């Protein structure tokens, strides 16, 4: 964008697409001017990608498991944005899966860069049919701020 007169001003709009899912980022935009002393201005945008809700691990994999055995796994569900949230509901594609949520310990939250979270203990029942299977868990979460709507994860 060119400034037309000395001391002039112009509105500059910059769009940036963040493709990474976590960590710090830095983007720059070069603005050309007609100022002989400052032909270009470099605008730098820096920030950190934070997740509203995430899980660690992001997937539960029961490799080398026997179909006639029950399994128990733990997943940390956390937020790097919300100071607190409540798990309103857990749903699974297999009705017999049971989930129990307890507050995550502070050390785990610190390692994840999280402000709040839960350890979700998941009990997977034995499977009667043979072969592999794929299932899902759906959580409905309510941020502590009552002005925010519940979110599904």
N, C-alpha and C. Protein backbone atom coordinates (compact mmCIF):
# COMPACT_ATOMS: atom_id res chain seq x y z
N UNK A 1 0.85 -1.16 0.00
CA UNK A 1 0.00 0.00 0.00
C UNK A 1 0.91 1.23 0.00
N UNK A 2 0.60 2.20 -0.84
CA UNK A 2 1.41 3.41 -0.93
C UNK A 2 0.74 4.56 -0.19
N UNK A 3 1.55 5.32 0.53
CA UNK A 3 1.05 6.53 1.17
C UNK A 3 1.15 7.64 0.13
N UNK A 4 0.13 8.46 -0.02
CA UNK A 4 0.07 9.45 -1.08
C UNK A 4 0.73 10.77 -0.72
N UNK A 5 0.82 11.12 0.56
CA UNK A 5 1.40 12.41 0.91
C UNK A 5 2.20 12.26 2.20
N UNK A 6 3.17 13.15 2.41
CA UNK A 6 3.95 13.08 3.65
C UNK A 6 3.03 13.17 4.86
N UNK A 7 3.27 12.29 5.82
CA UNK A 7 2.46 12.28 7.02
C UNK A 7 1.11 11.63 6.82
N UNK A 8 0.86 11.11 5.63
CA UNK A 8 -0.43 10.47 5.35
C UNK A 8 -0.55 9.15 6.09
N UNK A 9 -1.73 8.65 6.10
CA UNK A 9 -2.00 7.40 6.78
C UNK A 9 -2.82 6.49 5.88
N UNK A 10 -2.71 5.22 6.11
CA UNK A 10 -3.50 4.25 5.35
C UNK A 10 -3.83 3.07 6.24
N UNK A 11 -4.96 2.48 5.98
CA UNK A 11 -5.34 1.28 6.71
C UNK A 11 -4.73 0.08 6.00
N UNK A 12 -4.09 -0.78 6.75
CA UNK A 12 -3.47 -1.97 6.20
C UNK A 12 -4.13 -3.19 6.84
N UNK A 13 -4.62 -4.08 6.02
CA UNK A 13 -5.22 -5.31 6.53
C UNK A 13 -4.32 -6.48 6.16
N UNK A 14 -4.05 -7.31 7.14
CA UNK A 14 -3.20 -8.48 6.93
C UNK A 14 -3.97 -9.72 7.35
N UNK A 15 -3.99 -10.71 6.48
CA UNK A 15 -4.60 -12.00 6.81
C UNK A 15 -3.49 -13.03 6.94
N UNK A 16 -3.64 -13.88 7.91
CA UNK A 16 -2.62 -14.90 8.15
C UNK A 16 -3.32 -16.22 8.40
N UNK A 17 -2.83 -17.27 7.80
CA UNK A 17 -3.41 -18.59 7.98
C UNK A 17 -2.42 -19.43 8.79
N UNK A 18 -2.82 -19.81 9.98
CA UNK A 18 -1.97 -20.61 10.85
C UNK A 18 -2.26 -22.08 10.56
N UNK A 19 -1.27 -22.80 10.07
CA UNK A 19 -1.49 -24.20 9.71
C UNK A 19 -1.04 -25.17 10.80
N UNK A 20 -0.21 -24.71 11.70
CA UNK A 20 0.27 -25.60 12.75
C UNK A 20 -0.78 -25.78 13.83
N UNK A 21 -0.67 -26.86 14.56
CA UNK A 21 -1.68 -27.18 15.58
C UNK A 21 -1.23 -26.84 16.98
N UNK A 22 0.04 -26.56 17.18
CA UNK A 22 0.50 -26.20 18.52
C UNK A 22 1.80 -25.41 18.43
N UNK A 23 2.10 -24.71 19.50
CA UNK A 23 3.38 -24.01 19.61
C UNK A 23 3.34 -22.57 19.12
N UNK A 24 4.53 -21.98 19.12
CA UNK A 24 4.69 -20.59 18.74
C UNK A 24 4.72 -20.44 17.21
N UNK A 25 4.30 -19.28 16.74
CA UNK A 25 4.38 -18.98 15.32
C UNK A 25 4.83 -17.54 15.13
N UNK A 26 5.34 -17.26 13.94
CA UNK A 26 5.76 -15.91 13.57
C UNK A 26 5.52 -15.74 12.09
N UNK A 27 4.76 -14.72 11.72
CA UNK A 27 4.49 -14.41 10.32
C UNK A 27 4.89 -12.95 10.07
N UNK A 28 5.30 -12.67 8.85
CA UNK A 28 5.65 -11.29 8.51
C UNK A 28 4.88 -10.83 7.28
N UNK A 29 4.70 -9.54 7.19
CA UNK A 29 4.10 -8.91 6.01
C UNK A 29 4.98 -7.71 5.66
N UNK A 30 5.28 -7.56 4.39
CA UNK A 30 6.10 -6.44 3.92
C UNK A 30 5.19 -5.39 3.30
N UNK A 31 5.27 -4.17 3.81
CA UNK A 31 4.44 -3.07 3.33
C UNK A 31 5.35 -2.09 2.60
N UNK A 32 5.04 -1.80 1.34
CA UNK A 32 5.83 -0.87 0.54
C UNK A 32 5.27 0.54 0.69
N UNK A 33 6.17 1.52 0.83
CA UNK A 33 5.74 2.92 0.98
C UNK A 33 6.44 3.79 -0.06
N UNK A 34 6.02 5.05 -0.16
CA UNK A 34 6.72 6.00 -1.03
C UNK A 34 7.61 6.94 -0.20
N UNK A 35 7.84 6.58 1.05
CA UNK A 35 8.72 7.36 1.92
C UNK A 35 10.16 7.02 1.55
N UNK A 36 10.95 7.99 1.07
CA UNK A 36 12.31 7.69 0.65
C UNK A 36 13.20 7.19 1.79
N UNK A 37 12.86 7.52 3.03
CA UNK A 37 13.67 7.06 4.16
C UNK A 37 13.22 5.70 4.68
N UNK A 38 12.00 5.30 4.37
CA UNK A 38 11.46 4.01 4.82
C UNK A 38 10.65 3.38 3.70
N UNK A 39 11.33 2.82 2.73
CA UNK A 39 10.66 2.24 1.55
C UNK A 39 9.80 1.02 1.92
N UNK A 40 10.24 0.28 2.89
CA UNK A 40 9.45 -0.89 3.32
C UNK A 40 9.32 -0.89 4.84
N UNK A 41 8.20 -1.39 5.26
CA UNK A 41 7.94 -1.60 6.68
C UNK A 41 7.62 -3.09 6.83
N UNK A 42 8.29 -3.71 7.76
CA UNK A 42 8.03 -5.13 8.02
C UNK A 42 7.14 -5.22 9.25
N UNK A 43 5.97 -5.83 9.06
CA UNK A 43 5.04 -6.06 10.15
C UNK A 43 5.18 -7.52 10.57
N UNK A 44 5.48 -7.77 11.82
CA UNK A 44 5.65 -9.14 12.33
C UNK A 44 4.52 -9.47 13.29
N UNK A 45 3.89 -10.61 13.05
CA UNK A 45 2.82 -11.10 13.91
C UNK A 45 3.35 -12.35 14.60
N UNK A 46 3.38 -12.34 15.92
CA UNK A 46 3.85 -13.50 16.67
C UNK A 46 2.76 -13.93 17.65
N UNK A 47 2.72 -15.20 17.93
CA UNK A 47 1.73 -15.70 18.87
C UNK A 47 1.97 -17.16 19.20
N UNK A 48 1.05 -17.71 19.94
CA UNK A 48 1.11 -19.11 20.33
C UNK A 48 -0.24 -19.74 20.06
N UNK A 49 -0.22 -20.87 19.38
CA UNK A 49 -1.45 -21.61 19.12
C UNK A 49 -1.82 -22.34 20.41
N UNK A 50 -3.05 -22.12 20.86
CA UNK A 50 -3.55 -22.79 22.05
C UNK A 50 -4.81 -23.55 21.68
N UNK A 51 -5.04 -24.67 22.33
CA UNK A 51 -6.17 -25.52 22.00
C UNK A 51 -7.28 -25.34 23.02
N UNK A 52 -8.50 -25.14 22.50
CA UNK A 52 -9.65 -25.08 23.40
C UNK A 52 -9.78 -26.41 24.13
N UNK A 53 -9.77 -27.49 23.37
CA UNK A 53 -9.88 -28.82 23.95
C UNK A 53 -8.99 -29.77 23.15
N UNK A 54 -8.29 -30.62 23.87
CA UNK A 54 -7.46 -31.64 23.24
C UNK A 54 -7.42 -32.86 24.15
N UNK A 55 -6.90 -33.95 23.62
CA UNK A 55 -6.76 -35.18 24.40
C UNK A 55 -5.34 -35.69 24.26
N UNK A 56 -4.83 -36.25 25.34
CA UNK A 56 -3.50 -36.86 25.32
C UNK A 56 -3.60 -38.24 25.96
N UNK A 57 -3.43 -39.29 25.19
CA UNK A 57 -3.15 -39.31 23.76
C UNK A 57 -4.41 -38.96 22.95
N UNK A 58 -4.20 -38.51 21.70
CA UNK A 58 -5.36 -38.11 20.89
C UNK A 58 -6.22 -39.30 20.43
N UNK A 59 -5.63 -40.50 20.43
CA UNK A 59 -6.36 -41.71 20.04
C UNK A 59 -6.05 -42.82 21.04
N UNK A 60 -7.03 -43.66 21.26
CA UNK A 60 -6.82 -44.84 22.09
C UNK A 60 -6.62 -46.01 21.14
N UNK A 61 -5.48 -46.66 21.26
CA UNK A 61 -5.18 -47.80 20.40
C UNK A 61 -4.98 -49.01 21.31
N UNK A 62 -5.76 -50.03 21.09
CA UNK A 62 -5.64 -51.26 21.86
C UNK A 62 -4.99 -52.32 20.96
N UNK A 63 -3.71 -52.18 20.73
CA UNK A 63 -3.02 -53.14 19.87
C UNK A 63 -2.72 -54.42 20.64
N UNK A 64 -2.67 -55.51 19.93
CA UNK A 64 -2.38 -56.82 20.52
C UNK A 64 -3.33 -57.17 21.67
N UNK A 65 -4.55 -56.75 21.54
CA UNK A 65 -5.52 -57.03 22.61
C UNK A 65 -6.35 -58.26 22.23
N UNK A 66 -6.77 -58.95 23.23
CA UNK A 66 -7.64 -60.11 23.01
C UNK A 66 -9.08 -59.64 23.08
N UNK A 67 -9.89 -60.14 22.16
CA UNK A 67 -11.27 -59.68 22.08
C UNK A 67 -12.10 -60.09 23.28
N UNK A 68 -11.69 -61.14 23.96
CA UNK A 68 -12.48 -61.62 25.10
C UNK A 68 -12.05 -60.96 26.42
N UNK A 69 -11.16 -59.98 26.35
CA UNK A 69 -10.70 -59.29 27.56
C UNK A 69 -11.20 -57.85 27.59
N UNK A 70 -11.52 -57.40 28.79
CA UNK A 70 -11.87 -55.98 28.97
C UNK A 70 -10.56 -55.18 29.04
N UNK A 71 -10.64 -53.91 28.72
CA UNK A 71 -9.46 -53.04 28.75
C UNK A 71 -9.79 -51.75 29.49
N UNK A 72 -8.77 -51.21 30.12
CA UNK A 72 -8.90 -49.92 30.79
C UNK A 72 -7.77 -49.03 30.29
N UNK A 73 -8.14 -47.84 29.89
CA UNK A 73 -7.15 -46.86 29.43
C UNK A 73 -7.49 -45.50 30.04
N UNK A 74 -6.46 -44.67 30.13
CA UNK A 74 -6.67 -43.31 30.64
C UNK A 74 -6.27 -42.31 29.58
N UNK A 75 -7.05 -41.26 29.47
CA UNK A 75 -6.82 -40.18 28.53
C UNK A 75 -6.96 -38.88 29.30
N UNK A 76 -6.06 -37.94 29.05
CA UNK A 76 -6.20 -36.62 29.66
C UNK A 76 -6.91 -35.71 28.67
N UNK A 77 -8.05 -35.17 29.08
CA UNK A 77 -8.80 -34.21 28.28
C UNK A 77 -8.53 -32.85 28.92
N UNK A 78 -8.01 -31.91 28.11
CA UNK A 78 -7.54 -30.65 28.70
C UNK A 78 -7.82 -29.45 27.80
N UNK A 79 -7.68 -28.27 28.41
CA UNK A 79 -7.85 -27.01 27.68
C UNK A 79 -6.66 -26.10 27.98
N UNK A 80 -6.13 -25.51 26.92
CA UNK A 80 -5.07 -24.51 27.07
C UNK A 80 -5.65 -23.10 27.07
N UNK A 81 -6.99 -23.00 27.00
CA UNK A 81 -7.67 -21.71 26.94
C UNK A 81 -8.56 -21.48 28.16
N UNK A 82 -9.37 -22.47 28.50
CA UNK A 82 -10.32 -22.33 29.59
C UNK A 82 -9.64 -22.53 30.94
N UNK A 83 -9.94 -21.65 31.88
CA UNK A 83 -9.44 -21.82 33.25
C UNK A 83 -10.08 -23.03 33.92
N UNK A 84 -11.30 -23.34 33.52
CA UNK A 84 -12.02 -24.48 34.08
C UNK A 84 -13.13 -24.87 33.12
N UNK A 85 -13.51 -26.14 33.17
CA UNK A 85 -14.66 -26.62 32.41
C UNK A 85 -15.20 -27.85 33.12
N UNK A 86 -16.41 -28.21 32.74
CA UNK A 86 -17.08 -29.38 33.29
C UNK A 86 -17.42 -30.32 32.15
N UNK A 87 -17.26 -31.60 32.38
CA UNK A 87 -17.72 -32.60 31.41
C UNK A 87 -19.19 -32.86 31.71
N UNK A 88 -20.05 -32.39 30.81
CA UNK A 88 -21.50 -32.55 31.01
C UNK A 88 -21.97 -33.95 30.66
N UNK A 89 -21.36 -34.52 29.61
CA UNK A 89 -21.85 -35.80 29.12
C UNK A 89 -20.76 -36.52 28.34
N UNK A 90 -20.74 -37.85 28.48
CA UNK A 90 -19.87 -38.68 27.65
C UNK A 90 -20.75 -39.68 26.92
N UNK A 91 -20.53 -39.81 25.64
CA UNK A 91 -21.25 -40.78 24.82
C UNK A 91 -20.23 -41.60 24.06
N UNK A 92 -20.55 -42.87 23.84
CA UNK A 92 -19.66 -43.76 23.09
C UNK A 92 -20.47 -44.51 22.05
N UNK A 93 -19.78 -44.93 21.00
CA UNK A 93 -20.47 -45.69 19.96
C UNK A 93 -20.80 -47.11 20.43
N UNK A 94 -20.11 -47.58 21.47
CA UNK A 94 -20.45 -48.86 22.09
C UNK A 94 -21.10 -48.52 23.42
N UNK A 95 -22.33 -48.94 23.61
CA UNK A 95 -23.07 -48.56 24.81
C UNK A 95 -22.39 -48.99 26.11
N UNK A 96 -21.68 -50.10 26.09
CA UNK A 96 -21.13 -50.62 27.33
C UNK A 96 -19.81 -49.97 27.75
N UNK A 97 -19.28 -49.06 26.95
CA UNK A 97 -18.07 -48.35 27.37
C UNK A 97 -18.43 -47.43 28.53
N UNK A 98 -17.60 -47.47 29.56
CA UNK A 98 -17.84 -46.64 30.73
C UNK A 98 -16.70 -45.65 30.89
N UNK A 99 -17.04 -44.43 31.27
CA UNK A 99 -16.04 -43.38 31.46
C UNK A 99 -16.20 -42.77 32.84
N UNK A 100 -15.07 -42.53 33.47
CA UNK A 100 -15.08 -41.86 34.77
C UNK A 100 -14.07 -40.72 34.69
N UNK A 101 -14.50 -39.52 35.03
CA UNK A 101 -13.63 -38.35 34.96
C UNK A 101 -13.23 -37.91 36.36
N UNK A 102 -11.92 -37.66 36.52
CA UNK A 102 -11.40 -37.09 37.76
C UNK A 102 -10.48 -35.95 37.37
N UNK A 103 -10.37 -34.92 38.18
CA UNK A 103 -9.50 -33.79 37.83
C UNK A 103 -8.07 -34.28 37.55
N UNK A 104 -7.48 -33.76 36.49
CA UNK A 104 -6.09 -34.11 36.15
C UNK A 104 -5.15 -33.49 37.17
N UNK A 105 -4.04 -34.17 37.41
CA UNK A 105 -3.10 -33.63 38.40
C UNK A 105 -2.35 -32.44 37.81
N UNK A 106 -1.94 -31.50 38.64
CA UNK A 106 -1.29 -30.28 38.18
C UNK A 106 -0.02 -30.52 37.36
N UNK A 107 0.73 -31.56 37.68
CA UNK A 107 1.96 -31.85 36.93
C UNK A 107 1.64 -32.22 35.48
N UNK A 108 0.63 -33.05 35.29
CA UNK A 108 0.22 -33.43 33.93
C UNK A 108 -0.26 -32.22 33.16
N UNK A 109 -1.07 -31.38 33.79
CA UNK A 109 -1.56 -30.17 33.12
C UNK A 109 -0.40 -29.25 32.74
N UNK A 110 0.58 -29.11 33.62
CA UNK A 110 1.74 -28.26 33.33
C UNK A 110 2.52 -28.80 32.12
N UNK A 111 2.70 -30.11 32.05
CA UNK A 111 3.42 -30.71 30.91
C UNK A 111 2.70 -30.46 29.59
N UNK A 112 1.38 -30.36 29.63
CA UNK A 112 0.58 -30.14 28.43
C UNK A 112 0.35 -28.66 28.14
N UNK A 113 0.85 -27.78 29.01
CA UNK A 113 0.59 -26.35 28.85
C UNK A 113 -0.88 -26.04 29.04
N UNK A 114 -1.55 -26.83 29.88
CA UNK A 114 -3.00 -26.72 30.05
C UNK A 114 -3.35 -25.91 31.28
N UNK A 115 -4.49 -25.24 31.20
CA UNK A 115 -5.02 -24.49 32.34
C UNK A 115 -5.97 -25.34 33.18
N UNK A 116 -6.62 -26.31 32.53
CA UNK A 116 -7.59 -27.16 33.22
C UNK A 116 -7.70 -28.48 32.49
N UNK A 117 -8.22 -29.49 33.18
CA UNK A 117 -8.39 -30.78 32.52
C UNK A 117 -8.82 -31.88 33.46
N UNK A 118 -9.10 -33.02 32.84
CA UNK A 118 -9.54 -34.21 33.56
C UNK A 118 -8.78 -35.43 33.05
N UNK A 119 -8.59 -36.39 33.94
CA UNK A 119 -8.15 -37.71 33.51
C UNK A 119 -9.43 -38.50 33.29
N UNK A 120 -9.60 -39.00 32.11
CA UNK A 120 -10.78 -39.77 31.76
C UNK A 120 -10.38 -41.24 31.74
N UNK A 121 -10.90 -42.02 32.70
CA UNK A 121 -10.63 -43.45 32.75
C UNK A 121 -11.72 -44.14 31.95
N UNK A 122 -11.30 -44.87 30.92
CA UNK A 122 -12.23 -45.50 29.99
C UNK A 122 -12.14 -47.01 30.14
N UNK A 123 -13.27 -47.65 30.37
CA UNK A 123 -13.36 -49.11 30.47
C UNK A 123 -14.00 -49.63 29.20
N UNK A 124 -13.24 -50.42 28.44
CA UNK A 124 -13.73 -50.99 27.18
C UNK A 124 -14.09 -52.44 27.45
N UNK A 125 -15.34 -52.82 27.19
CA UNK A 125 -15.77 -54.19 27.50
C UNK A 125 -15.18 -55.20 26.51
N UNK A 126 -15.23 -56.49 26.87
CA UNK A 126 -14.80 -57.51 25.90
C UNK A 126 -15.69 -57.45 24.66
N UNK A 127 -15.15 -57.86 23.56
CA UNK A 127 -15.87 -57.83 22.28
C UNK A 127 -16.22 -59.27 21.91
N UNK A 128 -17.46 -59.51 21.55
CA UNK A 128 -17.88 -60.88 21.25
C UNK A 128 -17.51 -61.31 19.83
N UNK A 129 -17.56 -60.39 18.87
CA UNK A 129 -17.26 -60.78 17.49
C UNK A 129 -15.75 -60.61 17.23
N UNK A 130 -15.25 -61.34 16.25
CA UNK A 130 -13.83 -61.26 15.93
C UNK A 130 -13.57 -60.13 14.94
N UNK A 131 -12.30 -59.81 14.75
CA UNK A 131 -11.92 -58.77 13.80
C UNK A 131 -11.67 -57.46 14.49
N UNK A 132 -11.21 -56.49 13.70
CA UNK A 132 -10.89 -55.18 14.28
C UNK A 132 -12.17 -54.36 14.43
N UNK A 133 -12.08 -53.34 15.25
CA UNK A 133 -13.22 -52.45 15.42
C UNK A 133 -12.72 -51.04 15.64
N UNK A 134 -13.56 -50.10 15.33
CA UNK A 134 -13.26 -48.68 15.48
C UNK A 134 -14.46 -48.06 16.15
N UNK A 135 -14.21 -47.29 17.18
CA UNK A 135 -15.31 -46.67 17.91
C UNK A 135 -14.94 -45.25 18.27
N UNK A 136 -15.88 -44.52 18.83
CA UNK A 136 -15.63 -43.13 19.20
C UNK A 136 -16.22 -42.81 20.56
N UNK A 137 -15.64 -41.79 21.15
CA UNK A 137 -16.17 -41.18 22.37
C UNK A 137 -16.51 -39.74 22.04
N UNK A 138 -17.63 -39.28 22.51
CA UNK A 138 -18.03 -37.89 22.30
C UNK A 138 -18.25 -37.26 23.67
N UNK A 139 -17.59 -36.13 23.91
CA UNK A 139 -17.72 -35.43 25.17
C UNK A 139 -18.41 -34.10 24.94
N UNK A 140 -19.33 -33.75 25.82
CA UNK A 140 -19.94 -32.43 25.81
C UNK A 140 -19.37 -31.68 27.00
N UNK A 141 -18.72 -30.56 26.73
CA UNK A 141 -18.00 -29.80 27.75
C UNK A 141 -18.62 -28.42 27.92
N UNK A 142 -18.69 -27.97 29.16
CA UNK A 142 -19.20 -26.64 29.48
C UNK A 142 -18.08 -25.82 30.08
N UNK A 143 -17.64 -24.76 29.38
CA UNK A 143 -16.64 -23.86 29.98
C UNK A 143 -17.21 -23.23 31.25
N UNK A 144 -16.33 -22.84 32.15
CA UNK A 144 -16.77 -22.23 33.43
C UNK A 144 -17.52 -20.94 33.19
N UNK A 145 -17.19 -20.22 32.13
CA UNK A 145 -17.87 -18.96 31.83
C UNK A 145 -19.28 -19.28 31.34
N UNK A 146 -20.33 -18.90 32.10
CA UNK A 146 -21.70 -19.24 31.69
C UNK A 146 -22.13 -18.56 30.39
N UNK A 147 -21.41 -17.55 29.95
CA UNK A 147 -21.76 -16.90 28.69
C UNK A 147 -21.38 -17.75 27.48
N UNK A 148 -20.49 -18.72 27.70
CA UNK A 148 -20.08 -19.61 26.59
C UNK A 148 -21.00 -20.82 26.52
N UNK A 149 -21.25 -21.26 25.30
CA UNK A 149 -22.10 -22.42 25.08
C UNK A 149 -21.28 -23.71 25.25
N UNK A 150 -21.96 -24.80 25.57
CA UNK A 150 -21.27 -26.09 25.62
C UNK A 150 -20.66 -26.43 24.26
N UNK A 151 -19.57 -27.18 24.29
CA UNK A 151 -18.89 -27.59 23.05
C UNK A 151 -18.77 -29.11 23.04
N UNK A 152 -18.81 -29.66 21.86
CA UNK A 152 -18.69 -31.10 21.68
C UNK A 152 -17.29 -31.41 21.17
N UNK A 153 -16.70 -32.45 21.74
CA UNK A 153 -15.34 -32.86 21.37
C UNK A 153 -15.36 -34.35 21.10
